[in-house]
Amino acid sequence: MPEPLKSPDASGIADSGGVGIAWWSAGAGDRTLLIVPTWNFVDSRVTADLANDLRDELRVVWSMRAAAGAAAGPPPATRCSTTLTT
């Protein structure tokens, strides 16, 4: 059974067009591995296990999906710069 995600070495909130994206980083290897959220395909415990296993060899960076706690959801429609019509 996968272990829970170990504590990160660094974390923060990145801003992308007014949307906050929570990120975590662990390890200090010469190469960096970005783990993208996979909640549609596999359980988050699988990516946590991957991050735990590789943090001794690589710098591992991963993010939390919007609305899952630390990350912000998308901006309200009034903040969007593009209007879609049908």
N, C-alpha and C. Protein backbone atom coordinates (compact mmCIF):
# COMPACT_ATOMS: atom_id res chain seq x y z
N MET A 1 0.85 -1.18 0.00
CA MET A 1 0.00 0.00 0.00
C MET A 1 0.89 1.24 0.00
N PRO A 2 0.59 2.26 -0.82
CA PRO A 2 1.40 3.47 -0.87
C PRO A 2 1.41 4.22 0.46
N GLU A 3 2.55 4.84 0.74
CA GLU A 3 2.68 5.67 1.95
C GLU A 3 2.07 7.04 1.70
N PRO A 4 1.67 7.74 2.76
CA PRO A 4 1.23 9.14 2.59
C PRO A 4 2.41 9.98 2.12
N LEU A 5 2.13 11.07 1.46
CA LEU A 5 3.16 11.97 0.98
C LEU A 5 3.96 12.52 2.14
N LYS A 6 5.29 12.42 2.05
CA LYS A 6 6.16 12.96 3.10
C LYS A 6 6.14 14.48 3.02
N SER A 7 6.55 15.14 4.08
CA SER A 7 6.56 16.60 4.11
C SER A 7 7.50 17.15 3.04
N PRO A 8 7.08 18.21 2.35
CA PRO A 8 7.93 18.80 1.31
C PRO A 8 9.08 19.61 1.92
N ASP A 9 10.11 19.86 1.12
CA ASP A 9 11.21 20.74 1.52
C ASP A 9 10.82 22.20 1.35
N ALA A 10 9.96 22.46 0.36
CA ALA A 10 9.50 23.83 0.09
C ALA A 10 8.09 23.74 -0.47
N SER A 11 7.33 24.81 -0.31
CA SER A 11 5.98 24.85 -0.86
C SER A 11 5.58 26.30 -1.04
N GLY A 12 4.52 26.52 -1.80
CA GLY A 12 4.05 27.88 -2.01
C GLY A 12 2.82 27.90 -2.90
N ILE A 13 2.44 29.10 -3.27
CA ILE A 13 1.31 29.30 -4.18
C ILE A 13 1.85 30.09 -5.37
N ALA A 14 1.75 29.54 -6.56
CA ALA A 14 2.13 30.24 -7.79
C ALA A 14 0.90 30.90 -8.37
N ASP A 15 1.07 32.06 -8.98
CA ASP A 15 -0.04 32.77 -9.60
C ASP A 15 0.01 32.56 -11.10
N SER A 16 -1.07 32.10 -11.66
CA SER A 16 -1.18 31.92 -13.11
C SER A 16 -2.45 32.60 -13.57
N GLY A 17 -2.32 33.81 -14.08
CA GLY A 17 -3.49 34.54 -14.56
C GLY A 17 -4.51 34.81 -13.48
N GLY A 18 -4.07 35.04 -12.26
CA GLY A 18 -4.98 35.31 -11.17
C GLY A 18 -5.49 34.09 -10.44
N VAL A 19 -5.06 32.90 -10.86
CA VAL A 19 -5.46 31.66 -10.21
C VAL A 19 -4.28 31.14 -9.41
N GLY A 20 -4.49 30.88 -8.12
CA GLY A 20 -3.42 30.35 -7.28
C GLY A 20 -3.27 28.85 -7.47
N ILE A 21 -2.03 28.41 -7.70
CA ILE A 21 -1.73 27.00 -7.87
C ILE A 21 -0.77 26.59 -6.76
N ALA A 22 -1.23 25.73 -5.86
CA ALA A 22 -0.39 25.27 -4.76
C ALA A 22 0.65 24.29 -5.31
N TRP A 23 1.91 24.45 -4.87
CA TRP A 23 2.97 23.54 -5.31
C TRP A 23 3.83 23.12 -4.12
N TRP A 24 4.48 21.98 -4.28
CA TRP A 24 5.39 21.44 -3.30
C TRP A 24 6.64 20.99 -4.02
N SER A 25 7.76 21.00 -3.33
CA SER A 25 9.02 20.56 -3.90
C SER A 25 9.78 19.77 -2.83
N ALA A 26 10.45 18.71 -3.27
CA ALA A 26 11.26 17.90 -2.37
C ALA A 26 12.45 17.35 -3.13
N GLY A 27 13.55 17.17 -2.44
CA GLY A 27 14.75 16.63 -3.05
C GLY A 27 15.61 17.74 -3.63
N ALA A 28 16.84 17.38 -4.00
CA ALA A 28 17.76 18.38 -4.52
C ALA A 28 18.65 17.80 -5.60
N GLY A 29 18.13 16.91 -6.39
CA GLY A 29 18.93 16.31 -7.45
C GLY A 29 19.21 17.29 -8.58
N ASP A 30 20.11 16.91 -9.49
CA ASP A 30 20.45 17.74 -10.64
C ASP A 30 19.29 17.84 -11.63
N ARG A 31 18.45 16.84 -11.65
CA ARG A 31 17.31 16.84 -12.58
C ARG A 31 16.02 17.05 -11.80
N THR A 32 15.03 17.63 -12.48
CA THR A 32 13.73 17.91 -11.85
C THR A 32 12.65 17.09 -12.54
N LEU A 33 11.78 16.51 -11.75
CA LEU A 33 10.63 15.77 -12.25
C LEU A 33 9.37 16.51 -11.83
N LEU A 34 8.53 16.88 -12.79
CA LEU A 34 7.25 17.51 -12.50
C LEU A 34 6.18 16.43 -12.52
N ILE A 35 5.49 16.29 -11.42
CA ILE A 35 4.38 15.33 -11.33
C ILE A 35 3.09 16.12 -11.48
N VAL A 36 2.34 15.82 -12.53
CA VAL A 36 1.08 16.52 -12.75
C VAL A 36 -0.05 15.77 -12.07
N PRO A 37 -1.09 16.47 -11.65
CA PRO A 37 -2.22 15.79 -10.99
C PRO A 37 -2.83 14.74 -11.91
N THR A 38 -3.14 13.59 -11.33
CA THR A 38 -3.69 12.47 -12.11
C THR A 38 -5.02 11.99 -11.56
N TRP A 39 -5.76 12.86 -10.88
CA TRP A 39 -6.97 12.42 -10.19
C TRP A 39 -7.99 11.77 -11.11
N ASN A 40 -7.89 12.02 -12.43
CA ASN A 40 -8.85 11.39 -13.35
C ASN A 40 -8.46 9.95 -13.70
N PHE A 41 -7.17 9.62 -13.49
CA PHE A 41 -6.68 8.33 -13.95
C PHE A 41 -6.29 7.38 -12.81
N VAL A 42 -5.56 7.89 -11.84
CA VAL A 42 -5.12 7.04 -10.73
C VAL A 42 -5.30 7.80 -9.42
N ASP A 43 -5.36 7.08 -8.35
CA ASP A 43 -5.49 7.66 -7.02
C ASP A 43 -4.26 8.50 -6.69
N SER A 44 -4.45 9.58 -5.94
CA SER A 44 -3.34 10.47 -5.59
C SER A 44 -2.27 9.76 -4.75
N ARG A 45 -2.62 8.65 -4.12
CA ARG A 45 -1.62 7.90 -3.35
C ARG A 45 -0.54 7.33 -4.26
N VAL A 46 -0.87 7.07 -5.53
CA VAL A 46 0.12 6.55 -6.47
C VAL A 46 1.17 7.61 -6.75
N THR A 47 0.76 8.86 -7.00
CA THR A 47 1.73 9.92 -7.25
C THR A 47 2.49 10.28 -5.97
N ALA A 48 1.86 10.16 -4.81
CA ALA A 48 2.56 10.41 -3.55
C ALA A 48 3.66 9.38 -3.37
N ASP A 49 3.39 8.14 -3.68
CA ASP A 49 4.39 7.07 -3.58
C ASP A 49 5.54 7.34 -4.54
N LEU A 50 5.24 7.79 -5.74
CA LEU A 50 6.26 8.13 -6.73
C LEU A 50 7.15 9.26 -6.21
N ALA A 51 6.53 10.31 -5.68
CA ALA A 51 7.29 11.44 -5.14
C ALA A 51 8.17 11.00 -3.97
N ASN A 52 7.65 10.18 -3.10
CA ASN A 52 8.43 9.69 -1.95
C ASN A 52 9.63 8.88 -2.41
N ASP A 53 9.45 8.04 -3.42
CA ASP A 53 10.53 7.17 -3.88
C ASP A 53 11.63 7.92 -4.63
N LEU A 54 11.26 8.96 -5.37
CA LEU A 54 12.24 9.64 -6.23
C LEU A 54 12.90 10.86 -5.61
N ARG A 55 12.42 11.33 -4.48
CA ARG A 55 12.95 12.57 -3.90
C ARG A 55 14.40 12.45 -3.46
N ASP A 56 14.92 11.24 -3.28
CA ASP A 56 16.33 11.08 -2.92
C ASP A 56 17.26 11.21 -4.14
N GLU A 57 16.72 11.03 -5.34
CA GLU A 57 17.53 11.08 -6.56
C GLU A 57 17.28 12.32 -7.41
N LEU A 58 16.08 12.90 -7.31
CA LEU A 58 15.67 14.01 -8.17
C LEU A 58 15.05 15.12 -7.33
N ARG A 59 14.95 16.29 -7.91
CA ARG A 59 14.10 17.32 -7.32
C ARG A 59 12.71 17.04 -7.87
N VAL A 60 11.77 16.79 -7.00
CA VAL A 60 10.40 16.44 -7.40
C VAL A 60 9.50 17.62 -7.08
N VAL A 61 8.75 18.07 -8.08
CA VAL A 61 7.80 19.17 -7.92
C VAL A 61 6.43 18.65 -8.30
N TRP A 62 5.43 18.95 -7.48
CA TRP A 62 4.06 18.54 -7.81
C TRP A 62 3.10 19.62 -7.35
N SER A 63 1.90 19.57 -7.90
CA SER A 63 0.91 20.59 -7.56
C SER A 63 -0.38 19.95 -7.11
N MET A 64 -1.18 20.76 -6.41
CA MET A 64 -2.50 20.32 -5.97
C MET A 64 -3.53 20.89 -6.94
N ARG A 65 -4.46 20.09 -7.32
CA ARG A 65 -5.49 20.56 -8.24
C ARG A 65 -6.34 21.64 -7.60
N ALA A 66 -6.93 22.45 -8.42
CA ALA A 66 -7.79 23.53 -7.93
C ALA A 66 -8.94 22.97 -7.11
N ALA A 67 -9.31 23.70 -6.09
CA ALA A 67 -10.44 23.38 -5.22
C ALA A 67 -10.19 22.15 -4.34
N ALA A 68 -8.92 21.71 -4.21
CA ALA A 68 -8.63 20.56 -3.38
C ALA A 68 -8.00 20.95 -2.05
N GLY A 69 -8.08 22.20 -1.70
CA GLY A 69 -7.52 22.64 -0.42
C GLY A 69 -6.72 23.91 -0.57
N ALA A 70 -5.42 23.78 -0.83
CA ALA A 70 -4.53 24.95 -0.87
C ALA A 70 -4.63 25.72 -2.19
N ALA A 71 -5.03 25.07 -3.26
CA ALA A 71 -5.10 25.74 -4.56
C ALA A 71 -6.43 26.48 -4.71
N ALA A 72 -6.38 27.56 -5.46
CA ALA A 72 -7.60 28.34 -5.70
C ALA A 72 -8.34 27.74 -6.89
N GLY A 73 -9.62 27.96 -6.94
CA GLY A 73 -10.40 27.54 -8.09
C GLY A 73 -10.24 28.52 -9.22
N PRO A 74 -10.86 28.29 -10.35
CA PRO A 74 -10.75 29.22 -11.47
C PRO A 74 -11.39 30.56 -11.13
N PRO A 75 -10.99 31.62 -11.84
CA PRO A 75 -11.57 32.93 -11.55
C PRO A 75 -13.04 32.97 -11.94
N PRO A 76 -13.82 33.89 -11.33
CA PRO A 76 -15.21 34.03 -11.73
C PRO A 76 -15.31 34.48 -13.19
N ALA A 77 -16.42 34.20 -13.80
CA ALA A 77 -16.60 34.54 -15.22
C ALA A 77 -16.39 36.02 -15.49
N THR A 78 -16.66 36.87 -14.53
CA THR A 78 -16.49 38.31 -14.75
C THR A 78 -15.02 38.69 -14.89
N ARG A 79 -14.11 37.83 -14.47
CA ARG A 79 -12.68 38.13 -14.57
C ARG A 79 -12.07 37.58 -15.85
N CYS A 80 -12.79 36.77 -16.59
CA CYS A 80 -12.25 36.20 -17.83
C CYS A 80 -12.17 37.28 -18.89
N SER A 81 -11.08 37.27 -19.66
CA SER A 81 -10.90 38.30 -20.68
C SER A 81 -11.56 37.91 -22.00
N THR A 82 -11.95 36.66 -22.15
CA THR A 82 -12.57 36.19 -23.38
C THR A 82 -14.00 35.76 -23.09
N THR A 83 -14.92 36.22 -23.92
CA THR A 83 -16.32 35.82 -23.78
C THR A 83 -16.66 34.86 -24.88
N LEU A 84 -17.23 33.72 -24.51
CA LEU A 84 -17.64 32.72 -25.49
C LEU A 84 -19.14 32.86 -25.72
N THR A 85 -19.55 32.80 -26.96
CA THR A 85 -20.96 32.84 -27.29
C THR A 85 -21.30 31.66 -28.19
N THR A 86 -22.56 31.28 -28.15
CA THR A 86 -22.98 30.16 -29.01
C THR A 86 -23.88 30.64 -30.09
